[in-house]
Amino acid sequence: MRKTLLLRLMTPYTLVKEGQVESVSLPGEAGEFGVLPGHTKFITTLTPGILRYVEGGQAVQVALSGGFAEVHEGGDLTVLADSLEKADQLDVVRARLARDQAAEALRKRAELDAKELRRWEVRLLRAENRLRLAKLEGLDG
């Protein structure tokens, strides 16, 4: 049995990571799920959350804003994310500002049309997710 699986992390703009990992944990629509070598194939949507993978015995965490995941035959995994950010790429001050702006806009939800409401909800989720990763990595000061 294989001990690793090929993980491809992509955004619409770039290949963020391609390499062998021991396991992956992802935030799916139905909850968090894990992928190990030999996993059965399937496709699912992803929600904003923390994507975790283990590479060479070391855990890596990445802020994921949503997207799609496809587990291929044998367990290899392709993730197409709206955006991905590693902890060292986070700007905590900017994330806090984005969270506060979105929360303020959502306080006036009665004044927003459905499209604006959804846009601010997504911005809030993304900012909170970045701050969650910062806290997990000890960067939230």
N, C-alpha and C. Protein backbone atom coordinates (compact mmCIF):
# COMPACT_ATOMS: atom_id res chain seq x y z
N MET A 1 0.84 -1.19 0.00
CA MET A 1 0.00 0.00 0.00
C MET A 1 0.89 1.26 0.00
N ARG A 2 0.45 2.25 -0.76
CA ARG A 2 1.18 3.52 -0.83
C ARG A 2 1.19 4.21 0.53
N LYS A 3 2.27 4.93 0.81
CA LYS A 3 2.37 5.66 2.07
C LYS A 3 2.12 7.15 1.89
N THR A 4 2.12 7.62 0.63
CA THR A 4 1.87 9.03 0.36
C THR A 4 0.88 9.17 -0.79
N LEU A 5 0.37 10.38 -0.92
CA LEU A 5 -0.48 10.72 -2.05
C LEU A 5 0.03 12.01 -2.66
N LEU A 6 -0.25 12.21 -3.92
CA LEU A 6 0.15 13.44 -4.60
C LEU A 6 -0.89 14.51 -4.33
N LEU A 7 -0.45 15.63 -3.76
CA LEU A 7 -1.33 16.76 -3.48
C LEU A 7 -0.99 17.90 -4.44
N ARG A 8 -2.02 18.38 -5.12
CA ARG A 8 -1.89 19.57 -5.97
C ARG A 8 -2.81 20.64 -5.41
N LEU A 9 -2.23 21.75 -4.98
CA LEU A 9 -3.00 22.90 -4.50
C LEU A 9 -2.88 24.00 -5.53
N MET A 10 -4.02 24.41 -6.07
CA MET A 10 -4.02 25.42 -7.13
C MET A 10 -5.06 26.49 -6.86
N THR A 11 -4.77 27.68 -7.33
CA THR A 11 -5.76 28.74 -7.42
C THR A 11 -5.96 28.99 -8.91
N PRO A 12 -6.91 29.83 -9.28
CA PRO A 12 -7.05 30.11 -10.71
C PRO A 12 -5.80 30.74 -11.33
N TYR A 13 -4.89 31.23 -10.48
CA TYR A 13 -3.74 31.97 -10.98
C TYR A 13 -2.41 31.22 -10.89
N THR A 14 -2.32 30.25 -9.98
CA THR A 14 -1.01 29.63 -9.78
C THR A 14 -1.11 28.24 -9.15
N LEU A 15 -0.09 27.46 -9.39
CA LEU A 15 0.08 26.19 -8.69
C LEU A 15 0.82 26.51 -7.40
N VAL A 16 0.17 26.34 -6.27
CA VAL A 16 0.73 26.71 -4.97
C VAL A 16 1.62 25.61 -4.43
N LYS A 17 1.21 24.35 -4.63
CA LYS A 17 1.96 23.21 -4.11
C LYS A 17 1.68 22.00 -4.96
N GLU A 18 2.72 21.23 -5.21
CA GLU A 18 2.56 19.92 -5.84
C GLU A 18 3.63 19.03 -5.25
N GLY A 19 3.19 18.00 -4.53
CA GLY A 19 4.15 17.11 -3.92
C GLY A 19 3.49 15.99 -3.15
N GLN A 20 4.31 15.07 -2.70
CA GLN A 20 3.84 13.91 -1.95
C GLN A 20 3.62 14.28 -0.49
N VAL A 21 2.47 13.90 0.05
CA VAL A 21 2.13 14.14 1.45
C VAL A 21 1.55 12.86 2.05
N GLU A 22 1.56 12.80 3.38
CA GLU A 22 1.03 11.62 4.06
C GLU A 22 -0.49 11.66 4.22
N SER A 23 -1.04 12.86 4.44
CA SER A 23 -2.48 13.00 4.64
C SER A 23 -2.90 14.44 4.40
N VAL A 24 -4.21 14.62 4.19
CA VAL A 24 -4.78 15.95 3.98
C VAL A 24 -6.12 16.00 4.70
N SER A 25 -6.40 17.13 5.33
CA SER A 25 -7.70 17.38 5.97
C SER A 25 -8.25 18.66 5.36
N LEU A 26 -9.53 18.61 4.94
CA LEU A 26 -10.13 19.73 4.21
C LEU A 26 -11.49 20.10 4.77
N PRO A 27 -11.89 21.38 4.64
CA PRO A 27 -13.23 21.80 5.05
C PRO A 27 -14.23 21.63 3.90
N GLY A 28 -15.06 20.61 3.97
CA GLY A 28 -16.05 20.36 2.92
C GLY A 28 -17.42 20.89 3.29
N GLU A 29 -18.30 20.90 2.32
CA GLU A 29 -19.68 21.37 2.55
C GLU A 29 -20.36 20.59 3.67
N ALA A 30 -20.09 19.30 3.78
CA ALA A 30 -20.73 18.47 4.80
C ALA A 30 -19.89 18.36 6.07
N GLY A 31 -18.81 19.12 6.15
CA GLY A 31 -17.94 19.07 7.32
C GLY A 31 -16.51 18.73 6.91
N GLU A 32 -15.64 18.71 7.90
CA GLU A 32 -14.23 18.43 7.63
C GLU A 32 -14.07 16.95 7.26
N PHE A 33 -13.19 16.69 6.30
CA PHE A 33 -12.93 15.31 5.90
C PHE A 33 -11.45 15.14 5.64
N GLY A 34 -11.01 13.90 5.71
CA GLY A 34 -9.60 13.59 5.51
C GLY A 34 -9.38 12.71 4.30
N VAL A 35 -8.20 12.83 3.72
CA VAL A 35 -7.81 12.01 2.58
C VAL A 35 -6.47 11.36 2.91
N LEU A 36 -6.42 10.06 2.75
CA LEU A 36 -5.21 9.27 2.95
C LEU A 36 -4.87 8.56 1.65
N PRO A 37 -3.65 8.06 1.50
CA PRO A 37 -3.32 7.28 0.30
C PRO A 37 -4.33 6.13 0.14
N GLY A 38 -4.76 5.91 -1.08
CA GLY A 38 -5.70 4.84 -1.37
C GLY A 38 -7.16 5.23 -1.21
N HIS A 39 -7.42 6.47 -0.88
CA HIS A 39 -8.80 6.94 -0.69
C HIS A 39 -9.62 6.72 -1.95
N THR A 40 -10.90 6.47 -1.79
CA THR A 40 -11.79 6.31 -2.93
C THR A 40 -11.96 7.65 -3.65
N LYS A 41 -12.23 7.62 -4.93
CA LYS A 41 -12.32 8.87 -5.69
C LYS A 41 -13.68 9.53 -5.49
N PHE A 42 -13.65 10.84 -5.49
CA PHE A 42 -14.86 11.65 -5.42
C PHE A 42 -14.52 13.12 -5.67
N ILE A 43 -15.57 13.91 -5.85
CA ILE A 43 -15.44 15.36 -6.05
C ILE A 43 -16.37 16.04 -5.05
N THR A 44 -15.91 17.15 -4.48
CA THR A 44 -16.75 17.88 -3.53
C THR A 44 -16.42 19.36 -3.56
N THR A 45 -17.33 20.15 -3.06
CA THR A 45 -17.07 21.58 -2.90
C THR A 45 -16.43 21.81 -1.53
N LEU A 46 -15.66 22.87 -1.45
CA LEU A 46 -14.98 23.22 -0.21
C LEU A 46 -15.51 24.55 0.31
N THR A 47 -15.50 24.70 1.62
CA THR A 47 -15.94 25.94 2.25
C THR A 47 -14.72 26.64 2.85
N PRO A 48 -14.84 27.91 3.18
CA PRO A 48 -13.72 28.57 3.85
C PRO A 48 -13.35 27.82 5.12
N GLY A 49 -12.08 27.61 5.30
CA GLY A 49 -11.60 26.90 6.48
C GLY A 49 -10.10 26.67 6.38
N ILE A 50 -9.61 25.82 7.26
CA ILE A 50 -8.19 25.52 7.30
C ILE A 50 -7.94 24.17 6.63
N LEU A 51 -7.11 24.18 5.61
CA LEU A 51 -6.65 22.96 4.96
C LEU A 51 -5.35 22.56 5.65
N ARG A 52 -5.27 21.29 6.06
CA ARG A 52 -4.06 20.81 6.73
C ARG A 52 -3.51 19.63 5.95
N TYR A 53 -2.19 19.60 5.83
CA TYR A 53 -1.57 18.41 5.26
C TYR A 53 -0.31 18.08 6.04
N VAL A 54 0.07 16.82 5.97
CA VAL A 54 1.29 16.37 6.64
C VAL A 54 2.28 15.97 5.56
N GLU A 55 3.44 16.60 5.61
CA GLU A 55 4.50 16.36 4.63
C GLU A 55 5.79 16.10 5.39
N GLY A 56 6.36 14.92 5.19
CA GLY A 56 7.60 14.58 5.89
C GLY A 56 7.44 14.61 7.39
N GLY A 57 6.26 14.26 7.87
CA GLY A 57 6.00 14.25 9.30
C GLY A 57 5.66 15.61 9.89
N GLN A 58 5.70 16.67 9.09
CA GLN A 58 5.42 18.03 9.56
C GLN A 58 4.03 18.48 9.09
N ALA A 59 3.24 19.01 10.02
CA ALA A 59 1.92 19.51 9.68
C ALA A 59 2.03 20.92 9.12
N VAL A 60 1.29 21.16 8.04
CA VAL A 60 1.24 22.48 7.40
C VAL A 60 -0.24 22.88 7.35
N GLN A 61 -0.51 24.14 7.71
CA GLN A 61 -1.87 24.66 7.69
C GLN A 61 -1.96 25.83 6.71
N VAL A 62 -3.07 25.86 5.97
CA VAL A 62 -3.27 26.87 4.94
C VAL A 62 -4.70 27.38 5.04
N ALA A 63 -4.88 28.70 4.96
CA ALA A 63 -6.22 29.28 4.92
C ALA A 63 -6.78 29.10 3.52
N LEU A 64 -7.93 28.48 3.44
CA LEU A 64 -8.60 28.17 2.17
C LEU A 64 -9.89 28.95 2.13
N SER A 65 -10.17 29.62 1.03
CA SER A 65 -11.38 30.44 0.96
C SER A 65 -12.56 29.72 0.32
N GLY A 66 -12.39 28.49 -0.05
CA GLY A 66 -13.45 27.73 -0.73
C GLY A 66 -12.94 27.25 -2.06
N GLY A 67 -13.71 26.40 -2.70
CA GLY A 67 -13.32 25.87 -4.01
C GLY A 67 -13.82 24.46 -4.21
N PHE A 68 -13.01 23.63 -4.86
CA PHE A 68 -13.38 22.26 -5.18
C PHE A 68 -12.21 21.34 -4.89
N ALA A 69 -12.52 20.10 -4.56
CA ALA A 69 -11.49 19.09 -4.36
C ALA A 69 -11.89 17.84 -5.16
N GLU A 70 -10.90 17.24 -5.81
CA GLU A 70 -11.13 15.99 -6.51
C GLU A 70 -10.10 14.98 -6.04
N VAL A 71 -10.61 13.88 -5.49
CA VAL A 71 -9.75 12.77 -5.11
C VAL A 71 -9.76 11.81 -6.29
N HIS A 72 -8.58 11.55 -6.83
CA HIS A 72 -8.44 10.68 -7.99
C HIS A 72 -8.27 9.23 -7.56
N GLU A 73 -8.34 8.34 -8.50
CA GLU A 73 -8.09 6.91 -8.24
C GLU A 73 -6.78 6.77 -7.48
N GLY A 74 -6.78 6.04 -6.40
CA GLY A 74 -5.57 5.83 -5.61
C GLY A 74 -5.35 6.87 -4.53
N GLY A 75 -6.20 7.90 -4.51
CA GLY A 75 -6.13 8.88 -3.43
C GLY A 75 -5.41 10.17 -3.75
N ASP A 76 -4.78 10.30 -4.92
CA ASP A 76 -4.15 11.58 -5.24
C ASP A 76 -5.23 12.67 -5.23
N LEU A 77 -4.85 13.87 -4.82
CA LEU A 77 -5.83 14.92 -4.55
C LEU A 77 -5.47 16.21 -5.28
N THR A 78 -6.46 16.78 -5.96
CA THR A 78 -6.32 18.09 -6.58
C THR A 78 -7.30 19.03 -5.91
N VAL A 79 -6.79 20.17 -5.44
CA VAL A 79 -7.62 21.20 -4.82
C VAL A 79 -7.52 22.44 -5.69
N LEU A 80 -8.68 22.90 -6.18
CA LEU A 80 -8.76 24.17 -6.90
C LEU A 80 -9.48 25.13 -5.98
N ALA A 81 -8.72 26.05 -5.41
CA ALA A 81 -9.25 26.97 -4.40
C ALA A 81 -9.41 28.37 -4.96
N ASP A 82 -10.40 29.07 -4.43
CA ASP A 82 -10.56 30.48 -4.79
C ASP A 82 -9.30 31.24 -4.40
N SER A 83 -8.80 30.98 -3.18
CA SER A 83 -7.53 31.53 -2.73
C SER A 83 -6.98 30.65 -1.62
N LEU A 84 -5.67 30.65 -1.50
CA LEU A 84 -4.94 29.90 -0.46
C LEU A 84 -3.89 30.82 0.13
N GLU A 85 -3.75 30.78 1.44
CA GLU A 85 -2.72 31.60 2.09
C GLU A 85 -2.04 30.80 3.18
N LYS A 86 -0.73 30.74 3.11
CA LYS A 86 0.04 30.14 4.19
C LYS A 86 0.21 31.17 5.29
N ALA A 87 0.52 30.71 6.48
CA ALA A 87 0.63 31.60 7.64
C ALA A 87 1.63 32.73 7.39
N ASP A 88 2.74 32.43 6.73
CA ASP A 88 3.76 33.46 6.51
C ASP A 88 3.33 34.51 5.47
N GLN A 89 2.20 34.31 4.83
CA GLN A 89 1.67 35.27 3.86
C GLN A 89 0.59 36.16 4.45
N LEU A 90 0.16 35.86 5.67
CA LEU A 90 -0.95 36.58 6.27
C LEU A 90 -0.55 37.97 6.74
N ASP A 91 -1.45 38.91 6.55
CA ASP A 91 -1.34 40.24 7.11
C ASP A 91 -2.47 40.35 8.13
N VAL A 92 -2.13 40.13 9.40
CA VAL A 92 -3.14 40.06 10.46
C VAL A 92 -3.87 41.39 10.62
N VAL A 93 -3.16 42.49 10.53
CA VAL A 93 -3.80 43.80 10.66
C VAL A 93 -4.83 43.99 9.54
N ARG A 94 -4.45 43.65 8.35
CA ARG A 94 -5.37 43.77 7.21
C ARG A 94 -6.58 42.84 7.37
N ALA A 95 -6.35 41.64 7.87
CA ALA A 95 -7.45 40.69 8.09
C ALA A 95 -8.42 41.22 9.14
N ARG A 96 -7.89 41.81 10.20
CA ARG A 96 -8.77 42.39 11.24
C ARG A 96 -9.59 43.54 10.66
N LEU A 97 -8.95 44.39 9.87
CA LEU A 97 -9.65 45.50 9.25
C LEU A 97 -10.76 44.99 8.32
N ALA A 98 -10.45 43.98 7.51
CA ALA A 98 -11.45 43.41 6.60
C ALA A 98 -12.62 42.81 7.38
N ARG A 99 -12.31 42.12 8.49
CA ARG A 99 -13.37 41.53 9.33
C ARG A 99 -14.26 42.63 9.88
N ASP A 100 -13.64 43.69 10.40
CA ASP A 100 -14.41 44.78 11.00
C ASP A 100 -15.27 45.50 9.97
N GLN A 101 -14.73 45.73 8.78
CA GLN A 101 -15.49 46.39 7.71
C GLN A 101 -16.69 45.54 7.30
N ALA A 102 -16.46 44.24 7.15
CA ALA A 102 -17.55 43.34 6.75
C ALA A 102 -18.61 43.27 7.84
N ALA A 103 -18.19 43.17 9.08
CA ALA A 103 -19.15 43.11 10.19
C ALA A 103 -19.99 44.39 10.25
N GLU A 104 -19.34 45.53 10.04
CA GLU A 104 -20.05 46.82 10.04
C GLU A 104 -21.06 46.86 8.89
N ALA A 105 -20.66 46.43 7.71
CA ALA A 105 -21.58 46.43 6.56
C ALA A 105 -22.77 45.51 6.83
N LEU A 106 -22.52 44.38 7.47
CA LEU A 106 -23.59 43.41 7.73
C LEU A 106 -24.55 43.87 8.83
N ARG A 107 -24.12 44.82 9.65
CA ARG A 107 -25.03 45.39 10.65
C ARG A 107 -26.16 46.16 9.96
N LYS A 108 -25.91 46.58 8.72
CA LYS A 108 -26.90 47.33 7.95
C LYS A 108 -27.52 46.45 6.87
N ARG A 109 -27.68 45.16 7.19
CA ARG A 109 -28.13 44.20 6.19
C ARG A 109 -29.46 44.57 5.54
N ALA A 110 -30.30 45.29 6.24
CA ALA A 110 -31.59 45.68 5.66
C ALA A 110 -31.41 46.62 4.48
N GLU A 111 -30.29 47.31 4.42
CA GLU A 111 -30.02 48.25 3.32
C GLU A 111 -29.33 47.59 2.13
N LEU A 112 -28.96 46.32 2.26
CA LEU A 112 -28.20 45.64 1.22
C LEU A 112 -29.10 44.78 0.35
N ASP A 113 -28.80 44.75 -0.95
CA ASP A 113 -29.51 43.79 -1.79
C ASP A 113 -28.87 42.41 -1.61
N ALA A 114 -29.46 41.40 -2.16
CA ALA A 114 -29.00 40.02 -1.94
C ALA A 114 -27.56 39.81 -2.40
N LYS A 115 -27.18 40.42 -3.51
CA LYS A 115 -25.82 40.27 -4.03
C LYS A 115 -24.80 40.92 -3.10
N GLU A 116 -25.10 42.14 -2.64
CA GLU A 116 -24.20 42.82 -1.71
C GLU A 116 -24.10 42.07 -0.38
N LEU A 117 -25.22 41.58 0.08
CA LEU A 117 -25.24 40.83 1.33
C LEU A 117 -24.33 39.62 1.24
N ARG A 118 -24.45 38.86 0.18
CA ARG A 118 -23.61 37.67 0.00
C ARG A 118 -22.13 38.04 -0.10
N ARG A 119 -21.83 39.12 -0.81
CA ARG A 119 -20.44 39.57 -0.96
C ARG A 119 -19.83 39.90 0.41
N TRP A 120 -20.57 40.62 1.26
CA TRP A 120 -20.05 40.96 2.59
C TRP A 120 -19.95 39.73 3.48
N GLU A 121 -20.89 38.81 3.34
CA GLU A 121 -20.81 37.56 4.13
C GLU A 121 -19.56 36.77 3.77
N VAL A 122 -19.25 36.68 2.49
CA VAL A 122 -18.05 35.97 2.03
C VAL A 122 -16.80 36.68 2.53
N ARG A 123 -16.77 38.00 2.45
CA ARG A 123 -15.61 38.75 2.94
C ARG A 123 -15.40 38.51 4.43
N LEU A 124 -16.48 38.46 5.19
CA LEU A 124 -16.37 38.20 6.62
C LEU A 124 -15.83 36.80 6.88
N LEU A 125 -16.35 35.81 6.17
CA LEU A 125 -15.86 34.43 6.33
C LEU A 125 -14.37 34.32 6.00
N ARG A 126 -13.93 34.95 4.94
CA ARG A 126 -12.52 34.90 4.55
C ARG A 126 -11.63 35.57 5.59
N ALA A 127 -12.05 36.73 6.07
CA ALA A 127 -11.25 37.44 7.08
C ALA A 127 -11.18 36.62 8.37
N GLU A 128 -12.29 36.08 8.79
CA GLU A 128 -12.30 35.26 10.02
C GLU A 128 -11.43 34.03 9.85
N ASN A 129 -11.43 33.46 8.67
CA ASN A 129 -10.62 32.29 8.40
C ASN A 129 -9.13 32.62 8.47
N ARG A 130 -8.75 33.75 7.91
CA ARG A 130 -7.35 34.19 8.00
C ARG A 130 -6.93 34.39 9.45
N LEU A 131 -7.82 34.99 10.23
CA LEU A 131 -7.52 35.22 11.65
C LEU A 131 -7.46 33.91 12.42
N ARG A 132 -8.27 32.94 12.04
CA ARG A 132 -8.22 31.61 12.67
C ARG A 132 -6.86 30.96 12.43
N LEU A 133 -6.36 31.05 11.19
CA LEU A 133 -5.04 30.49 10.88
C LEU A 133 -3.96 31.24 11.66
N ALA A 134 -4.07 32.56 11.71
CA ALA A 134 -3.07 33.34 12.45
C ALA A 134 -3.04 32.91 13.92
N LYS A 135 -4.20 32.68 14.49
CA LYS A 135 -4.27 32.24 15.89
C LYS A 135 -3.64 30.84 16.05
N LEU A 136 -3.98 29.93 15.15
CA LEU A 136 -3.41 28.58 15.20
C LEU A 136 -1.89 28.59 15.11
N GLU A 137 -1.36 29.53 14.34
CA GLU A 137 0.08 29.63 14.12
C GLU A 137 0.76 30.58 15.12
N GLY A 138 -0.02 31.14 16.05
CA GLY A 138 0.56 32.02 17.05
C GLY A 138 0.95 33.38 16.53
N LEU A 139 0.28 33.84 15.48
CA LEU A 139 0.62 35.12 14.85
C LEU A 139 -0.34 36.25 15.21
N ASP A 140 -1.33 35.95 16.05
CA ASP A 140 -2.37 36.95 16.30
C ASP A 140 -2.01 37.97 17.37
N GLY A 141 -0.82 37.86 17.91
CA GLY A 141 -0.26 38.84 18.83
C GLY A 141 -1.11 39.05 20.01
